[in-house]
Amino acid sequence: MRTKVDTLLYLVLLVASVVGFCSCDDARTYDHYESIMMSGWERNDTASFTVPRQWEGYYSLELGIRATMKYPYKNISLIMEGKIIPDKKKAAYRTFQDTITCNIIDDNGRLVGKRGISNTEIMRFTTGLNINRGDSLYITVRHIMSREQLPGISDVGIKLTKIR
């Protein structure tokens, strides 16, 4: 009876070790997309992201756009605004703002980026952030193109990755 228990214990430890060594080490801490209305992205529509509390470190913030061939321009201009909300009540908010231009369609009329079945995904590095332990983020993204309603953009997202 004792040898069966020992054998089972060794087998469980072996499986746990294999799973532990084979699991991936992904530094991504937040990756989320907001859907845009099929009729088009209106100028006054803002994609908002609430990033939960993070560990202390330096992070890379990327903007993701999913577009289709219905998009009428070669590139898109966006404004990303963010607020780092400290865990401590007395600490002040830190804010950032950036104007971002991304190519959507190349000179040959093809979608750029990582291609899917009916759309493409474009990732664009925006900024590096120094975050303290317990800080959270609130980020908004809106387009500043000349059209009031912008067809061809299906999703807008952000990805936060810990660098160190």
N, C-alpha and C. Protein backbone atom coordinates (compact mmCIF):
# COMPACT_ATOMS: atom_id res chain seq x y z
N MET A 1 0.83 -1.20 0.00
CA MET A 1 0.00 0.00 0.00
C MET A 1 0.87 1.26 0.00
N ARG A 2 1.93 1.23 0.77
CA ARG A 2 2.82 2.39 0.88
C ARG A 2 3.48 2.68 -0.46
N THR A 3 3.87 1.68 -1.22
CA THR A 3 4.53 1.89 -2.51
C THR A 3 3.57 2.48 -3.53
N LYS A 4 2.29 2.13 -3.46
CA LYS A 4 1.32 2.71 -4.39
C LYS A 4 1.16 4.21 -4.13
N VAL A 5 1.12 4.60 -2.87
CA VAL A 5 0.99 6.01 -2.51
C VAL A 5 2.24 6.78 -2.95
N ASP A 6 3.43 6.19 -2.71
CA ASP A 6 4.68 6.83 -3.13
C ASP A 6 4.74 6.98 -4.64
N THR A 7 4.34 5.95 -5.37
CA THR A 7 4.35 6.00 -6.83
C THR A 7 3.39 7.08 -7.33
N LEU A 8 2.22 7.13 -6.75
CA LEU A 8 1.23 8.14 -7.15
C LEU A 8 1.75 9.55 -6.84
N LEU A 9 2.39 9.72 -5.69
CA LEU A 9 2.95 11.02 -5.32
C LEU A 9 4.04 11.44 -6.30
N TYR A 10 4.94 10.53 -6.66
CA TYR A 10 5.99 10.84 -7.64
C TYR A 10 5.41 11.18 -9.01
N LEU A 11 4.36 10.47 -9.40
CA LEU A 11 3.71 10.74 -10.68
C LEU A 11 3.08 12.14 -10.69
N VAL A 12 2.42 12.50 -9.62
CA VAL A 12 1.81 13.83 -9.52
C VAL A 12 2.88 14.91 -9.55
N LEU A 13 3.98 14.72 -8.83
CA LEU A 13 5.08 15.69 -8.85
C LEU A 13 5.71 15.80 -10.23
N LEU A 14 5.85 14.69 -10.93
CA LEU A 14 6.41 14.70 -12.28
C LEU A 14 5.51 15.49 -13.24
N VAL A 15 4.21 15.25 -13.19
CA VAL A 15 3.27 15.97 -14.06
C VAL A 15 3.28 17.47 -13.73
N ALA A 16 3.29 17.81 -12.45
CA ALA A 16 3.31 19.22 -12.06
C ALA A 16 4.60 19.89 -12.52
N SER A 17 5.72 19.19 -12.44
CA SER A 17 6.99 19.76 -12.91
C SER A 17 6.99 19.98 -14.41
N VAL A 18 6.48 19.02 -15.17
CA VAL A 18 6.43 19.16 -16.63
C VAL A 18 5.53 20.33 -17.02
N VAL A 19 4.38 20.45 -16.39
CA VAL A 19 3.47 21.56 -16.69
C VAL A 19 4.13 22.89 -16.32
N GLY A 20 4.81 22.94 -15.19
CA GLY A 20 5.48 24.17 -14.76
C GLY A 20 6.58 24.60 -15.71
N PHE A 21 7.36 23.65 -16.22
CA PHE A 21 8.46 23.98 -17.13
C PHE A 21 7.97 24.31 -18.53
N CYS A 22 6.86 23.74 -18.93
CA CYS A 22 6.36 23.95 -20.30
C CYS A 22 5.46 25.16 -20.44
N SER A 23 4.98 25.71 -19.32
CA SER A 23 4.08 26.86 -19.43
C SER A 23 4.84 28.07 -19.94
N CYS A 24 4.12 28.92 -20.67
CA CYS A 24 4.77 30.09 -21.27
C CYS A 24 4.93 31.20 -20.25
N ASP A 25 5.87 32.06 -20.50
CA ASP A 25 6.13 33.21 -19.65
C ASP A 25 5.75 34.46 -20.44
N ASP A 26 4.49 34.83 -20.38
CA ASP A 26 3.98 35.96 -21.14
C ASP A 26 4.00 37.20 -20.25
N ALA A 27 4.72 38.23 -20.68
CA ALA A 27 4.84 39.46 -19.89
C ALA A 27 3.62 40.37 -20.06
N ARG A 28 2.70 40.00 -20.95
CA ARG A 28 1.51 40.82 -21.19
C ARG A 28 0.64 40.79 -19.94
N THR A 29 0.26 41.97 -19.44
CA THR A 29 -0.57 42.03 -18.24
C THR A 29 -1.99 42.49 -18.54
N TYR A 30 -2.20 43.14 -19.68
CA TYR A 30 -3.54 43.58 -20.08
C TYR A 30 -3.60 43.62 -21.59
N ASP A 31 -4.64 43.03 -22.15
CA ASP A 31 -4.83 43.00 -23.60
C ASP A 31 -6.33 42.96 -23.85
N HIS A 32 -6.89 44.07 -24.32
CA HIS A 32 -8.34 44.14 -24.48
C HIS A 32 -8.71 45.01 -25.68
N TYR A 33 -9.75 44.59 -26.39
CA TYR A 33 -10.28 45.34 -27.53
C TYR A 33 -11.72 45.75 -27.25
N GLU A 34 -12.08 46.93 -27.75
CA GLU A 34 -13.46 47.41 -27.73
C GLU A 34 -13.99 47.39 -29.16
N SER A 35 -15.19 46.86 -29.33
CA SER A 35 -15.80 46.80 -30.67
C SER A 35 -16.32 48.17 -31.08
N ILE A 36 -16.22 48.43 -32.37
CA ILE A 36 -16.73 49.67 -32.95
C ILE A 36 -18.00 49.32 -33.72
N MET A 37 -18.97 50.22 -33.75
CA MET A 37 -20.23 49.96 -34.45
C MET A 37 -19.98 49.63 -35.91
N MET A 38 -20.72 48.69 -36.46
CA MET A 38 -20.56 48.27 -37.85
C MET A 38 -20.85 49.41 -38.83
N SER A 39 -21.70 50.35 -38.45
CA SER A 39 -22.02 51.47 -39.34
C SER A 39 -20.85 52.44 -39.47
N GLY A 40 -19.91 52.38 -38.55
CA GLY A 40 -18.73 53.25 -38.62
C GLY A 40 -18.41 53.86 -37.27
N TRP A 41 -17.17 54.27 -37.13
CA TRP A 41 -16.69 54.88 -35.89
C TRP A 41 -16.97 56.37 -35.96
N GLU A 42 -17.90 56.83 -35.15
CA GLU A 42 -18.25 58.25 -35.14
C GLU A 42 -17.19 59.04 -34.38
N ARG A 43 -17.00 60.27 -34.80
CA ARG A 43 -15.94 61.09 -34.23
C ARG A 43 -16.11 61.30 -32.73
N ASN A 44 -17.33 61.39 -32.25
CA ASN A 44 -17.55 61.61 -30.82
C ASN A 44 -17.58 60.32 -30.01
N ASP A 45 -17.42 59.15 -30.66
CA ASP A 45 -17.34 57.88 -29.94
C ASP A 45 -15.92 57.66 -29.46
N THR A 46 -15.78 57.33 -28.19
CA THR A 46 -14.47 57.13 -27.58
C THR A 46 -14.40 55.71 -27.04
N ALA A 47 -13.32 55.00 -27.38
CA ALA A 47 -13.07 53.68 -26.81
C ALA A 47 -12.36 53.89 -25.48
N SER A 48 -12.91 53.31 -24.41
CA SER A 48 -12.37 53.50 -23.06
C SER A 48 -11.88 52.17 -22.50
N PHE A 49 -10.77 52.23 -21.76
CA PHE A 49 -10.17 51.04 -21.19
C PHE A 49 -9.81 51.32 -19.73
N THR A 50 -10.27 50.46 -18.84
CA THR A 50 -9.92 50.55 -17.43
C THR A 50 -9.00 49.39 -17.11
N VAL A 51 -7.73 49.70 -16.90
CA VAL A 51 -6.72 48.67 -16.63
C VAL A 51 -6.63 48.49 -15.12
N PRO A 52 -6.78 47.25 -14.62
CA PRO A 52 -6.72 47.05 -13.17
C PRO A 52 -5.33 47.32 -12.59
N ARG A 53 -5.24 47.28 -11.29
CA ARG A 53 -3.97 47.55 -10.59
C ARG A 53 -2.86 46.65 -11.10
N GLN A 54 -1.65 47.24 -11.16
CA GLN A 54 -0.49 46.53 -11.70
C GLN A 54 0.62 46.48 -10.66
N TRP A 55 1.60 45.60 -10.93
CA TRP A 55 2.81 45.54 -10.11
C TRP A 55 3.74 46.67 -10.54
N GLU A 56 4.65 47.01 -9.67
CA GLU A 56 5.63 48.05 -9.96
C GLU A 56 6.53 47.61 -11.10
N GLY A 57 6.82 48.54 -12.02
CA GLY A 57 7.72 48.22 -13.12
C GLY A 57 7.57 49.18 -14.29
N TYR A 58 8.34 48.89 -15.33
CA TYR A 58 8.29 49.68 -16.55
C TYR A 58 7.50 48.88 -17.58
N TYR A 59 6.50 49.50 -18.20
CA TYR A 59 5.58 48.83 -19.10
C TYR A 59 5.59 49.48 -20.48
N SER A 60 5.31 48.68 -21.48
CA SER A 60 5.14 49.14 -22.85
C SER A 60 3.64 49.18 -23.14
N LEU A 61 3.17 50.29 -23.69
CA LEU A 61 1.76 50.42 -24.04
C LEU A 61 1.65 50.44 -25.56
N GLU A 62 0.85 49.51 -26.10
CA GLU A 62 0.64 49.43 -27.55
C GLU A 62 -0.83 49.65 -27.87
N LEU A 63 -1.06 50.25 -29.01
CA LEU A 63 -2.41 50.46 -29.52
C LEU A 63 -2.66 49.45 -30.63
N GLY A 64 -3.81 48.80 -30.60
CA GLY A 64 -4.18 47.84 -31.63
C GLY A 64 -5.41 48.31 -32.39
N ILE A 65 -5.38 48.13 -33.71
CA ILE A 65 -6.51 48.50 -34.56
C ILE A 65 -6.82 47.32 -35.46
N ARG A 66 -8.09 46.96 -35.55
CA ARG A 66 -8.53 45.95 -36.50
C ARG A 66 -9.35 46.66 -37.57
N ALA A 67 -8.92 46.49 -38.83
CA ALA A 67 -9.55 47.22 -39.94
C ALA A 67 -9.90 46.26 -41.07
N THR A 68 -10.86 46.69 -41.90
CA THR A 68 -11.27 45.93 -43.08
C THR A 68 -10.99 46.77 -44.33
N MET A 69 -11.21 46.18 -45.49
CA MET A 69 -11.00 46.88 -46.76
C MET A 69 -12.00 48.01 -46.98
N LYS A 70 -13.02 48.12 -46.15
CA LYS A 70 -13.98 49.22 -46.27
C LYS A 70 -13.40 50.55 -45.79
N TYR A 71 -12.21 50.50 -45.18
CA TYR A 71 -11.61 51.72 -44.66
C TYR A 71 -11.23 52.63 -45.84
N PRO A 72 -11.66 53.90 -45.86
CA PRO A 72 -11.50 54.75 -47.05
C PRO A 72 -10.15 55.45 -47.21
N TYR A 73 -9.28 55.42 -46.20
CA TYR A 73 -8.01 56.14 -46.27
C TYR A 73 -6.84 55.17 -46.14
N LYS A 74 -5.62 55.68 -46.38
CA LYS A 74 -4.41 54.87 -46.22
C LYS A 74 -3.97 54.78 -44.76
N ASN A 75 -4.24 55.82 -43.98
CA ASN A 75 -3.84 55.79 -42.57
C ASN A 75 -4.94 56.39 -41.70
N ILE A 76 -4.71 56.32 -40.41
CA ILE A 76 -5.67 56.85 -39.45
C ILE A 76 -4.91 57.65 -38.39
N SER A 77 -5.50 58.75 -37.96
CA SER A 77 -4.92 59.56 -36.88
C SER A 77 -5.83 59.46 -35.66
N LEU A 78 -5.20 59.20 -34.53
CA LEU A 78 -5.93 58.98 -33.28
C LEU A 78 -5.32 59.81 -32.16
N ILE A 79 -6.14 60.08 -31.17
CA ILE A 79 -5.64 60.69 -29.94
C ILE A 79 -5.86 59.69 -28.82
N MET A 80 -4.77 59.37 -28.12
CA MET A 80 -4.84 58.50 -26.95
C MET A 80 -4.54 59.36 -25.72
N GLU A 81 -5.46 59.32 -24.77
CA GLU A 81 -5.27 60.04 -23.51
C GLU A 81 -5.32 59.02 -22.38
N GLY A 82 -4.45 59.21 -21.41
CA GLY A 82 -4.41 58.26 -20.31
C GLY A 82 -4.20 58.94 -18.98
N LYS A 83 -4.64 58.23 -17.96
CA LYS A 83 -4.48 58.70 -16.59
C LYS A 83 -3.97 57.52 -15.76
N ILE A 84 -2.85 57.72 -15.07
CA ILE A 84 -2.34 56.72 -14.14
C ILE A 84 -2.91 57.07 -12.77
N ILE A 85 -3.71 56.16 -12.24
CA ILE A 85 -4.41 56.40 -10.98
C ILE A 85 -3.64 55.70 -9.87
N PRO A 86 -3.06 56.46 -8.94
CA PRO A 86 -2.25 55.84 -7.89
C PRO A 86 -3.11 55.11 -6.86
N ASP A 87 -2.49 54.13 -6.23
CA ASP A 87 -3.17 53.36 -5.18
C ASP A 87 -3.34 54.21 -3.92
N LYS A 88 -2.39 55.10 -3.69
CA LYS A 88 -2.42 55.95 -2.49
C LYS A 88 -3.38 57.12 -2.71
N LYS A 89 -4.18 57.40 -1.72
CA LYS A 89 -5.20 58.44 -1.84
C LYS A 89 -4.62 59.84 -2.04
N LYS A 90 -3.49 60.14 -1.40
CA LYS A 90 -2.94 61.49 -1.44
C LYS A 90 -2.07 61.76 -2.66
N ALA A 91 -1.67 60.72 -3.36
CA ALA A 91 -0.80 60.91 -4.53
C ALA A 91 -1.61 61.50 -5.69
N ALA A 92 -0.94 62.29 -6.51
CA ALA A 92 -1.61 62.95 -7.65
C ALA A 92 -1.67 62.02 -8.85
N TYR A 93 -2.70 62.21 -9.67
CA TYR A 93 -2.81 61.49 -10.93
C TYR A 93 -1.68 61.92 -11.86
N ARG A 94 -1.21 61.00 -12.67
CA ARG A 94 -0.29 61.35 -13.75
C ARG A 94 -1.04 61.14 -15.05
N THR A 95 -0.93 62.08 -15.97
CA THR A 95 -1.64 61.98 -17.24
C THR A 95 -0.66 61.99 -18.40
N PHE A 96 -1.13 61.44 -19.52
CA PHE A 96 -0.35 61.48 -20.75
C PHE A 96 -1.31 61.57 -21.92
N GLN A 97 -0.83 62.13 -23.01
CA GLN A 97 -1.62 62.26 -24.23
C GLN A 97 -0.68 62.10 -25.42
N ASP A 98 -1.16 61.44 -26.46
CA ASP A 98 -0.34 61.23 -27.64
C ASP A 98 -1.22 61.22 -28.88
N THR A 99 -0.73 61.82 -29.95
CA THR A 99 -1.38 61.74 -31.26
C THR A 99 -0.66 60.66 -32.05
N ILE A 100 -1.41 59.69 -32.54
CA ILE A 100 -0.83 58.52 -33.20
C ILE A 100 -1.37 58.42 -34.62
N THR A 101 -0.47 58.18 -35.56
CA THR A 101 -0.86 57.93 -36.95
C THR A 101 -0.42 56.53 -37.32
N CYS A 102 -1.36 55.72 -37.80
CA CYS A 102 -1.07 54.33 -38.19
C CYS A 102 -1.42 54.12 -39.65
N ASN A 103 -0.57 53.43 -40.37
CA ASN A 103 -0.88 53.03 -41.74
C ASN A 103 -1.84 51.86 -41.69
N ILE A 104 -2.89 51.92 -42.49
CA ILE A 104 -3.88 50.85 -42.57
C ILE A 104 -3.76 50.13 -43.91
N ILE A 105 -3.60 50.89 -44.99
CA ILE A 105 -3.53 50.33 -46.34
C ILE A 105 -2.22 50.77 -46.98
N ASP A 106 -1.51 49.82 -47.61
CA ASP A 106 -0.21 50.15 -48.21
C ASP A 106 -0.39 50.78 -49.59
N ASP A 107 0.72 51.08 -50.27
CA ASP A 107 0.67 51.74 -51.58
C ASP A 107 0.04 50.87 -52.66
N ASN A 108 0.01 49.55 -52.45
CA ASN A 108 -0.61 48.63 -53.41
C ASN A 108 -2.09 48.39 -53.14
N GLY A 109 -2.64 49.06 -52.13
CA GLY A 109 -4.06 48.91 -51.83
C GLY A 109 -4.39 47.73 -50.94
N ARG A 110 -3.38 47.14 -50.30
CA ARG A 110 -3.60 45.99 -49.41
C ARG A 110 -3.52 46.42 -47.95
N LEU A 111 -4.27 45.70 -47.12
CA LEU A 111 -4.22 45.96 -45.68
C LEU A 111 -2.85 45.58 -45.13
N VAL A 112 -2.31 46.40 -44.26
CA VAL A 112 -1.04 46.08 -43.61
C VAL A 112 -1.33 45.40 -42.27
N GLY A 113 -0.32 44.83 -41.65
CA GLY A 113 -0.49 44.22 -40.34
C GLY A 113 -0.69 42.73 -40.43
N LYS A 114 -1.07 42.15 -39.29
CA LYS A 114 -1.29 40.72 -39.18
C LYS A 114 -2.68 40.40 -39.73
N ARG A 115 -2.71 39.66 -40.83
CA ARG A 115 -3.98 39.43 -41.54
C ARG A 115 -4.82 38.33 -40.91
N GLY A 116 -6.11 38.60 -40.86
CA GLY A 116 -7.09 37.62 -40.45
C GLY A 116 -7.91 37.22 -41.66
N ILE A 117 -9.07 36.65 -41.45
CA ILE A 117 -9.92 36.21 -42.56
C ILE A 117 -10.51 37.40 -43.29
N SER A 118 -11.11 38.33 -42.56
CA SER A 118 -11.75 39.48 -43.22
C SER A 118 -11.17 40.82 -42.79
N ASN A 119 -10.22 40.81 -41.88
CA ASN A 119 -9.65 42.08 -41.42
C ASN A 119 -8.16 41.91 -41.13
N THR A 120 -7.55 42.99 -40.70
CA THR A 120 -6.14 42.97 -40.34
C THR A 120 -5.98 43.60 -38.97
N GLU A 121 -4.95 43.19 -38.26
CA GLU A 121 -4.67 43.74 -36.94
C GLU A 121 -3.34 44.47 -36.99
N ILE A 122 -3.35 45.74 -36.63
CA ILE A 122 -2.15 46.57 -36.63
C ILE A 122 -1.84 46.93 -35.19
N MET A 123 -0.62 46.62 -34.74
CA MET A 123 -0.17 46.98 -33.40
C MET A 123 0.85 48.11 -33.52
N ARG A 124 0.72 49.11 -32.69
CA ARG A 124 1.61 50.27 -32.76
C ARG A 124 2.06 50.65 -31.35
N PHE A 125 3.38 50.64 -31.12
CA PHE A 125 3.92 51.08 -29.83
C PHE A 125 3.59 52.56 -29.64
N THR A 126 3.10 52.91 -28.47
CA THR A 126 2.76 54.31 -28.22
C THR A 126 3.68 54.96 -27.19
N THR A 127 3.88 54.31 -26.07
CA THR A 127 4.70 54.93 -25.02
C THR A 127 5.15 53.89 -24.01
N GLY A 128 6.15 54.26 -23.24
CA GLY A 128 6.58 53.46 -22.10
C GLY A 128 6.07 54.12 -20.83
N LEU A 129 5.65 53.32 -19.87
CA LEU A 129 5.08 53.86 -18.63
C LEU A 129 5.80 53.29 -17.42
N ASN A 130 6.14 54.15 -16.49
CA ASN A 130 6.70 53.73 -15.21
C ASN A 130 5.53 53.67 -14.23
N ILE A 131 5.19 52.48 -13.78
CA ILE A 131 4.01 52.30 -12.93
C ILE A 131 4.45 51.84 -11.55
N ASN A 132 3.87 52.44 -10.52
CA ASN A 132 4.13 52.04 -9.14
C ASN A 132 3.19 50.91 -8.74
N ARG A 133 3.56 50.19 -7.71
CA ARG A 133 2.74 49.06 -7.27
C ARG A 133 1.35 49.55 -6.87
N GLY A 134 0.34 48.89 -7.41
CA GLY A 134 -1.04 49.23 -7.09
C GLY A 134 -1.67 50.28 -7.98
N ASP A 135 -0.89 50.89 -8.88
CA ASP A 135 -1.45 51.88 -9.79
C ASP A 135 -2.35 51.21 -10.82
N SER A 136 -3.40 51.90 -11.22
CA SER A 136 -4.26 51.44 -12.31
C SER A 136 -4.26 52.52 -13.39
N LEU A 137 -4.85 52.19 -14.54
CA LEU A 137 -4.85 53.13 -15.66
C LEU A 137 -6.26 53.28 -16.21
N TYR A 138 -6.54 54.47 -16.72
CA TYR A 138 -7.76 54.72 -17.48
C TYR A 138 -7.32 55.36 -18.79
N ILE A 139 -7.63 54.70 -19.91
CA ILE A 139 -7.15 55.14 -21.23
C ILE A 139 -8.33 55.31 -22.17
N THR A 140 -8.31 56.40 -22.95
CA THR A 140 -9.33 56.62 -23.97
C THR A 140 -8.66 56.81 -25.32
N VAL A 141 -9.35 56.36 -26.38
CA VAL A 141 -8.85 56.48 -27.75
C VAL A 141 -10.00 56.99 -28.62
N ARG A 142 -9.71 58.01 -29.45
CA ARG A 142 -10.72 58.53 -30.39
C ARG A 142 -10.01 58.93 -31.68
N HIS A 143 -10.76 58.91 -32.78
CA HIS A 143 -10.15 59.29 -34.06
C HIS A 143 -10.33 60.79 -34.30
N ILE A 144 -9.42 61.34 -35.11
CA ILE A 144 -9.49 62.77 -35.46
C ILE A 144 -9.46 62.93 -36.98
N MET A 145 -10.09 62.01 -37.68
CA MET A 145 -10.14 62.07 -39.14
C MET A 145 -11.22 63.06 -39.57
N SER A 146 -11.20 63.46 -40.85
CA SER A 146 -12.11 64.49 -41.35
C SER A 146 -13.56 64.02 -41.44
N ARG A 147 -13.79 62.73 -41.62
CA ARG A 147 -15.16 62.22 -41.72
C ARG A 147 -15.78 62.07 -40.34
N GLU A 148 -17.06 62.39 -40.25
CA GLU A 148 -17.78 62.23 -38.99
C GLU A 148 -17.94 60.76 -38.64
N GLN A 149 -18.22 59.94 -39.66
CA GLN A 149 -18.40 58.50 -39.44
C GLN A 149 -17.38 57.76 -40.29
N LEU A 150 -16.55 56.96 -39.64
CA LEU A 150 -15.41 56.33 -40.28
C LEU A 150 -15.66 54.83 -40.42
N PRO A 151 -15.98 54.34 -41.64
CA PRO A 151 -16.23 52.90 -41.83
C PRO A 151 -14.91 52.13 -41.90
N GLY A 152 -14.99 50.82 -41.67
CA GLY A 152 -13.84 49.95 -41.88
C GLY A 152 -13.00 49.67 -40.65
N ILE A 153 -13.26 50.31 -39.54
CA ILE A 153 -12.55 50.01 -38.29
C ILE A 153 -13.51 49.17 -37.45
N SER A 154 -13.11 47.94 -37.13
CA SER A 154 -14.01 47.05 -36.39
C SER A 154 -13.72 47.02 -34.89
N ASP A 155 -12.45 47.18 -34.50
CA ASP A 155 -12.08 47.13 -33.09
C ASP A 155 -10.88 48.02 -32.82
N VAL A 156 -10.82 48.55 -31.61
CA VAL A 156 -9.67 49.31 -31.14
C VAL A 156 -9.30 48.74 -29.78
N GLY A 157 -8.00 48.53 -29.55
CA GLY A 157 -7.59 47.93 -28.29
C GLY A 157 -6.25 48.44 -27.81
N ILE A 158 -5.92 48.03 -26.59
CA ILE A 158 -4.61 48.35 -26.03
C ILE A 158 -4.00 47.08 -25.44
N LYS A 159 -2.68 47.06 -25.43
CA LYS A 159 -1.94 45.96 -24.82
C LYS A 159 -0.86 46.56 -23.93
N LEU A 160 -0.84 46.13 -22.68
CA LEU A 160 0.15 46.58 -21.71
C LEU A 160 1.06 45.40 -21.41
N THR A 161 2.37 45.59 -21.62
CA THR A 161 3.35 44.52 -21.44
C THR A 161 4.43 44.99 -20.48
N LYS A 162 4.72 44.16 -19.47
CA LYS A 162 5.78 44.52 -18.52
C LYS A 162 7.13 44.23 -19.14
N ILE A 163 8.00 45.25 -19.17
CA ILE A 163 9.33 45.11 -19.75
C ILE A 163 10.34 44.75 -18.66
N ARG A 164 10.27 45.46 -17.55
CA ARG A 164 11.16 45.14 -16.42
C ARG A 164 10.53 45.59 -15.12
